[in-house]
Amino acid sequence: MMAKRKPEETGKGGKGKGKTFEELLEELERVVAELEKEDVPLEEAIHLYEKGIKLHAESSKMLNRARLRIEELEKRIAGEEEGISEGTEEEEDGEEGGDDLFSVAALSDDDDGVTF
């Protein structure tokens, strides 16, 4: 089954919304390059700086969401490995061991439509 992509991963949208992390990073690099020029008027420099701050904030949010997803996956894997190493004691007692392991609760505020 193909996972649905979040809007920020589709590359559609504007002003930082709906752009991929890579697109945000490229745009931030362009802003920095403009700011590094010596002949940028003050008002334009302020505008570029503000744009850079917004791009940085959005890309930081995306990195944080990715980090949280990775941490959650690591916890699930560790729990699965722990269940395997303990054997089948729970299953022998009539309980199912870890069947809901891949029933994913929301990993962040966003619902990406992906379930395991």
N, C-alpha and C. Protein backbone atom coordinates (compact mmCIF):
# COMPACT_ATOMS: atom_id res chain seq x y z
N MET A 1 0.85 -1.18 0.00
CA MET A 1 0.00 0.00 0.00
C MET A 1 0.89 1.23 0.00
N MET A 2 0.57 2.17 -0.83
CA MET A 2 1.33 3.41 -0.95
C MET A 2 0.85 4.39 0.11
N ALA A 3 1.77 4.98 0.85
CA ALA A 3 1.43 5.95 1.89
C ALA A 3 1.06 7.28 1.26
N LYS A 4 0.06 7.92 1.85
CA LYS A 4 -0.31 9.26 1.39
C LYS A 4 0.77 10.22 1.84
N ARG A 5 1.07 11.20 1.01
CA ARG A 5 2.07 12.19 1.38
C ARG A 5 1.38 13.38 2.01
N LYS A 6 2.04 13.94 3.00
CA LYS A 6 1.54 15.15 3.65
C LYS A 6 1.63 16.30 2.66
N PRO A 7 0.76 17.30 2.80
CA PRO A 7 0.84 18.45 1.90
C PRO A 7 2.21 19.09 1.85
N GLU A 8 2.95 19.12 2.98
CA GLU A 8 4.25 19.76 2.96
C GLU A 8 5.28 18.94 2.20
N GLU A 9 4.93 17.72 1.81
CA GLU A 9 5.84 16.87 1.07
C GLU A 9 5.52 16.84 -0.43
N THR A 10 4.46 17.51 -0.84
CA THR A 10 4.06 17.43 -2.23
C THR A 10 4.67 18.50 -3.10
N GLY A 11 5.20 19.53 -2.49
CA GLY A 11 5.81 20.60 -3.27
C GLY A 11 4.80 21.60 -3.79
N LYS A 12 3.54 21.50 -3.37
CA LYS A 12 2.51 22.44 -3.80
C LYS A 12 2.23 23.43 -2.70
N GLY A 13 1.79 24.58 -3.06
CA GLY A 13 1.47 25.59 -2.05
C GLY A 13 2.40 26.77 -2.15
N GLY A 14 2.31 27.67 -1.18
CA GLY A 14 3.15 28.85 -1.22
C GLY A 14 3.53 29.33 0.15
N LYS A 15 4.49 30.23 0.20
CA LYS A 15 4.98 30.86 1.43
C LYS A 15 5.38 29.82 2.48
N GLY A 16 6.11 28.79 2.06
CA GLY A 16 6.61 27.82 3.01
C GLY A 16 5.63 26.70 3.32
N LYS A 17 4.37 26.90 3.05
CA LYS A 17 3.38 25.86 3.30
C LYS A 17 3.33 24.95 2.08
N GLY A 18 3.33 23.65 2.35
CA GLY A 18 3.21 22.70 1.27
C GLY A 18 4.51 22.41 0.55
N LYS A 19 5.61 22.97 0.99
CA LYS A 19 6.89 22.73 0.33
C LYS A 19 7.62 21.61 1.04
N THR A 20 8.46 20.92 0.32
CA THR A 20 9.27 19.88 0.93
C THR A 20 10.39 20.52 1.74
N PHE A 21 11.00 19.75 2.59
CA PHE A 21 12.12 20.24 3.37
C PHE A 21 13.22 20.74 2.45
N GLU A 22 13.48 19.98 1.40
CA GLU A 22 14.54 20.34 0.46
C GLU A 22 14.24 21.66 -0.24
N GLU A 23 12.98 21.88 -0.59
CA GLU A 23 12.60 23.15 -1.23
C GLU A 23 12.77 24.32 -0.26
N LEU A 24 12.39 24.10 1.00
CA LEU A 24 12.57 25.14 2.00
C LEU A 24 14.05 25.46 2.18
N LEU A 25 14.88 24.44 2.23
CA LEU A 25 16.31 24.64 2.41
C LEU A 25 16.91 25.39 1.22
N GLU A 26 16.51 25.04 0.01
CA GLU A 26 17.01 25.76 -1.18
C GLU A 26 16.61 27.23 -1.13
N GLU A 27 15.36 27.48 -0.74
CA GLU A 27 14.90 28.87 -0.68
C GLU A 27 15.65 29.63 0.42
N LEU A 28 15.89 28.98 1.53
CA LEU A 28 16.65 29.62 2.61
C LEU A 28 18.08 29.93 2.16
N GLU A 29 18.68 29.03 1.41
CA GLU A 29 20.02 29.28 0.89
C GLU A 29 20.04 30.48 -0.07
N ARG A 30 18.98 30.62 -0.87
CA ARG A 30 18.89 31.78 -1.77
C ARG A 30 18.77 33.08 -0.97
N VAL A 31 17.98 33.04 0.09
CA VAL A 31 17.81 34.22 0.94
C VAL A 31 19.15 34.61 1.57
N VAL A 32 19.87 33.62 2.09
CA VAL A 32 21.17 33.89 2.70
C VAL A 32 22.13 34.49 1.67
N ALA A 33 22.14 33.93 0.46
CA ALA A 33 23.02 34.45 -0.58
C ALA A 33 22.70 35.91 -0.90
N GLU A 34 21.41 36.26 -0.94
CA GLU A 34 21.02 37.65 -1.18
C GLU A 34 21.47 38.55 -0.04
N LEU A 35 21.31 38.07 1.19
CA LEU A 35 21.71 38.87 2.36
C LEU A 35 23.22 39.09 2.41
N GLU A 36 23.98 38.16 1.87
CA GLU A 36 25.44 38.28 1.89
C GLU A 36 25.97 39.29 0.88
N LYS A 37 25.13 39.70 -0.06
CA LYS A 37 25.56 40.72 -1.01
C LYS A 37 25.72 42.05 -0.28
N GLU A 38 26.70 42.81 -0.69
CA GLU A 38 27.00 44.07 -0.01
C GLU A 38 26.05 45.21 -0.40
N ASP A 39 25.40 45.09 -1.55
CA ASP A 39 24.60 46.21 -2.03
C ASP A 39 23.09 46.06 -1.78
N VAL A 40 22.70 45.25 -0.80
CA VAL A 40 21.29 45.07 -0.50
C VAL A 40 20.80 46.24 0.35
N PRO A 41 19.76 46.94 -0.12
CA PRO A 41 19.21 48.05 0.67
C PRO A 41 18.67 47.54 2.01
N LEU A 42 18.69 48.40 2.99
CA LEU A 42 18.30 48.03 4.34
C LEU A 42 16.90 47.41 4.41
N GLU A 43 15.91 48.04 3.80
CA GLU A 43 14.54 47.53 3.86
C GLU A 43 14.44 46.14 3.22
N GLU A 44 15.14 45.94 2.10
CA GLU A 44 15.13 44.64 1.45
C GLU A 44 15.83 43.60 2.33
N ALA A 45 16.91 44.00 2.99
CA ALA A 45 17.64 43.11 3.89
C ALA A 45 16.75 42.67 5.05
N ILE A 46 15.98 43.61 5.58
CA ILE A 46 15.07 43.28 6.68
C ILE A 46 14.00 42.30 6.20
N HIS A 47 13.45 42.57 5.02
CA HIS A 47 12.44 41.68 4.43
C HIS A 47 13.02 40.28 4.21
N LEU A 48 14.23 40.20 3.68
CA LEU A 48 14.87 38.91 3.44
C LEU A 48 15.15 38.18 4.76
N TYR A 49 15.59 38.92 5.74
CA TYR A 49 15.85 38.33 7.06
C TYR A 49 14.58 37.72 7.64
N GLU A 50 13.48 38.47 7.56
CA GLU A 50 12.19 37.99 8.06
C GLU A 50 11.77 36.72 7.31
N LYS A 51 11.96 36.72 6.00
CA LYS A 51 11.63 35.54 5.19
C LYS A 51 12.49 34.35 5.61
N GLY A 52 13.76 34.61 5.86
CA GLY A 52 14.67 33.55 6.29
C GLY A 52 14.26 32.95 7.62
N ILE A 53 13.84 33.80 8.54
CA ILE A 53 13.38 33.33 9.86
C ILE A 53 12.16 32.42 9.70
N LYS A 54 11.23 32.82 8.85
CA LYS A 54 10.03 31.99 8.62
C LYS A 54 10.40 30.66 7.98
N LEU A 55 11.30 30.68 7.00
CA LEU A 55 11.74 29.44 6.35
C LEU A 55 12.45 28.53 7.35
N HIS A 56 13.28 29.13 8.19
CA HIS A 56 13.99 28.36 9.23
C HIS A 56 12.99 27.71 10.18
N ALA A 57 12.00 28.46 10.62
CA ALA A 57 11.00 27.93 11.55
C ALA A 57 10.24 26.76 10.94
N GLU A 58 9.82 26.91 9.69
CA GLU A 58 9.07 25.84 9.03
C GLU A 58 9.93 24.60 8.83
N SER A 59 11.17 24.78 8.41
CA SER A 59 12.04 23.62 8.21
C SER A 59 12.37 22.96 9.56
N SER A 60 12.51 23.74 10.62
CA SER A 60 12.75 23.19 11.95
C SER A 60 11.57 22.34 12.42
N LYS A 61 10.35 22.81 12.15
CA LYS A 61 9.16 22.03 12.49
C LYS A 61 9.17 20.68 11.76
N MET A 62 9.54 20.72 10.49
CA MET A 62 9.57 19.49 9.71
C MET A 62 10.63 18.53 10.25
N LEU A 63 11.79 19.05 10.60
CA LEU A 63 12.83 18.20 11.17
C LEU A 63 12.39 17.62 12.51
N ASN A 64 11.72 18.42 13.32
CA ASN A 64 11.24 17.94 14.60
C ASN A 64 10.21 16.83 14.42
N ARG A 65 9.28 17.00 13.47
CA ARG A 65 8.30 15.95 13.21
C ARG A 65 8.99 14.67 12.75
N ALA A 66 10.00 14.80 11.90
CA ALA A 66 10.74 13.63 11.44
C ALA A 66 11.45 12.95 12.60
N ARG A 67 12.06 13.75 13.48
CA ARG A 67 12.76 13.20 14.64
C ARG A 67 11.80 12.44 15.54
N LEU A 68 10.61 13.00 15.78
CA LEU A 68 9.61 12.33 16.60
C LEU A 68 9.15 11.02 15.98
N ARG A 69 8.97 11.02 14.68
CA ARG A 69 8.57 9.79 13.99
C ARG A 69 9.66 8.72 14.11
N ILE A 70 10.91 9.12 13.96
CA ILE A 70 12.02 8.17 14.08
C ILE A 70 12.09 7.62 15.50
N GLU A 71 11.95 8.49 16.50
CA GLU A 71 11.97 8.03 17.89
C GLU A 71 10.85 7.04 18.15
N GLU A 72 9.67 7.31 17.62
CA GLU A 72 8.52 6.41 17.81
C GLU A 72 8.79 5.07 17.14
N LEU A 73 9.35 5.08 15.95
CA LEU A 73 9.68 3.83 15.28
C LEU A 73 10.73 3.05 16.06
N GLU A 74 11.72 3.74 16.59
CA GLU A 74 12.76 3.07 17.40
C GLU A 74 12.15 2.43 18.64
N LYS A 75 11.20 3.11 19.28
CA LYS A 75 10.53 2.55 20.45
C LYS A 75 9.76 1.29 20.07
N ARG A 76 9.05 1.34 18.94
CA ARG A 76 8.29 0.18 18.49
C ARG A 76 9.20 -1.00 18.18
N ILE A 77 10.31 -0.71 17.51
CA ILE A 77 11.26 -1.77 17.16
C ILE A 77 11.85 -2.37 18.43
N ALA A 78 12.23 -1.53 19.39
CA ALA A 78 12.78 -2.02 20.65
C ALA A 78 11.74 -2.86 21.38
N GLY A 79 10.50 -2.44 21.38
CA GLY A 79 9.44 -3.20 22.03
C GLY A 79 9.19 -4.53 21.34
N GLU A 80 9.26 -4.51 20.02
CA GLU A 80 9.07 -5.75 19.25
C GLU A 80 10.21 -6.71 19.54
N GLU A 81 11.44 -6.21 19.56
CA GLU A 81 12.59 -7.06 19.84
C GLU A 81 12.52 -7.60 21.26
N GLU A 82 12.06 -6.78 22.20
CA GLU A 82 11.91 -7.23 23.58
C GLU A 82 10.89 -8.35 23.66
N GLY A 83 9.79 -8.21 22.94
CA GLY A 83 8.75 -9.24 22.91
C GLY A 83 9.27 -10.54 22.33
N ILE A 84 10.10 -10.46 21.31
CA ILE A 84 10.67 -11.65 20.69
C ILE A 84 11.64 -12.32 21.65
N SER A 85 12.49 -11.52 22.32
CA SER A 85 13.48 -12.10 23.21
C SER A 85 12.85 -12.72 24.46
N GLU A 86 11.66 -12.25 24.86
CA GLU A 86 10.98 -12.81 26.01
C GLU A 86 10.30 -14.12 25.69
N GLY A 87 10.20 -14.45 24.43
CA GLY A 87 9.54 -15.69 24.04
C GLY A 87 8.06 -15.48 23.86
N THR A 88 7.30 -16.54 24.10
CA THR A 88 5.86 -16.49 23.86
C THR A 88 5.08 -16.67 25.14
N GLU A 89 5.60 -16.22 26.28
CA GLU A 89 4.93 -16.38 27.56
C GLU A 89 3.54 -15.76 27.55
N GLU A 90 3.39 -14.57 27.00
CA GLU A 90 2.08 -13.93 26.98
C GLU A 90 1.10 -14.70 26.13
N GLU A 91 1.55 -15.21 24.99
CA GLU A 91 0.68 -15.96 24.10
C GLU A 91 0.24 -17.26 24.75
N GLU A 92 1.11 -17.88 25.56
CA GLU A 92 0.76 -19.11 26.24
C GLU A 92 -0.33 -18.86 27.27
N ASP A 93 -0.39 -17.68 27.85
CA ASP A 93 -1.41 -17.33 28.83
C ASP A 93 -2.72 -16.93 28.16
N GLY A 94 -2.79 -17.01 26.86
CA GLY A 94 -4.00 -16.66 26.13
C GLY A 94 -4.04 -15.22 25.70
N GLU A 95 -3.03 -14.45 26.03
CA GLU A 95 -2.97 -13.06 25.61
C GLU A 95 -2.19 -12.97 24.32
N GLU A 96 -2.56 -12.00 23.52
CA GLU A 96 -1.82 -11.77 22.29
C GLU A 96 -0.70 -10.81 22.59
N GLY A 97 0.52 -11.18 22.20
CA GLY A 97 1.68 -10.34 22.50
C GLY A 97 1.98 -9.35 21.42
N GLY A 98 1.63 -8.09 21.65
CA GLY A 98 2.05 -7.01 20.76
C GLY A 98 1.31 -6.91 19.44
N ASP A 99 0.08 -7.48 19.33
CA ASP A 99 -0.63 -7.38 18.06
C ASP A 99 -0.96 -5.95 17.71
N ASP A 100 -1.12 -5.11 18.72
CA ASP A 100 -1.43 -3.71 18.44
C ASP A 100 -0.17 -2.86 18.32
N LEU A 101 0.97 -3.51 18.18
CA LEU A 101 2.25 -2.81 18.09
C LEU A 101 2.27 -1.81 16.95
N PHE A 102 1.62 -2.16 15.83
CA PHE A 102 1.67 -1.29 14.68
C PHE A 102 0.37 -0.52 14.48
N SER A 103 -0.47 -0.46 15.47
CA SER A 103 -1.63 0.42 15.45
C SER A 103 -1.12 1.78 15.85
N VAL A 104 -0.96 2.65 14.88
CA VAL A 104 -0.27 3.91 15.12
C VAL A 104 -1.23 4.97 15.61
N ALA A 105 -0.88 5.55 16.73
CA ALA A 105 -1.56 6.76 17.18
C ALA A 105 -0.89 7.91 16.47
N ALA A 106 -1.49 9.06 16.53
CA ALA A 106 -0.89 10.21 15.85
C ALA A 106 0.50 10.48 16.41
N LEU A 107 1.47 10.65 15.51
CA LEU A 107 2.84 10.90 15.92
C LEU A 107 3.09 12.38 16.15
N SER A 108 2.25 13.20 15.58
CA SER A 108 2.38 14.63 15.76
C SER A 108 0.99 15.24 15.66
N ASP A 109 0.93 16.53 15.60
CA ASP A 109 -0.36 17.19 15.44
C ASP A 109 -0.95 16.94 14.08
N ASP A 110 -0.10 16.59 13.11
CA ASP A 110 -0.56 16.35 11.75
C ASP A 110 -0.99 14.91 11.59
N ASP A 111 -2.06 14.69 10.84
CA ASP A 111 -2.46 13.33 10.49
C ASP A 111 -2.05 13.10 9.07
N ASP A 112 -1.03 12.28 8.86
CA ASP A 112 -0.53 12.08 7.50
C ASP A 112 -1.24 10.95 6.79
N GLY A 113 -2.21 10.29 7.44
CA GLY A 113 -2.97 9.25 6.78
C GLY A 113 -2.21 7.95 6.67
N VAL A 114 -1.06 7.84 7.25
CA VAL A 114 -0.28 6.63 7.15
C VAL A 114 -0.52 5.80 8.39
N THR A 115 -0.92 4.54 8.20
CA THR A 115 -1.05 3.62 9.32
C THR A 115 -0.23 2.40 9.02
N PHE A 116 0.22 1.78 10.07
CA PHE A 116 1.05 0.59 9.93
C PHE A 116 0.27 -0.63 10.35
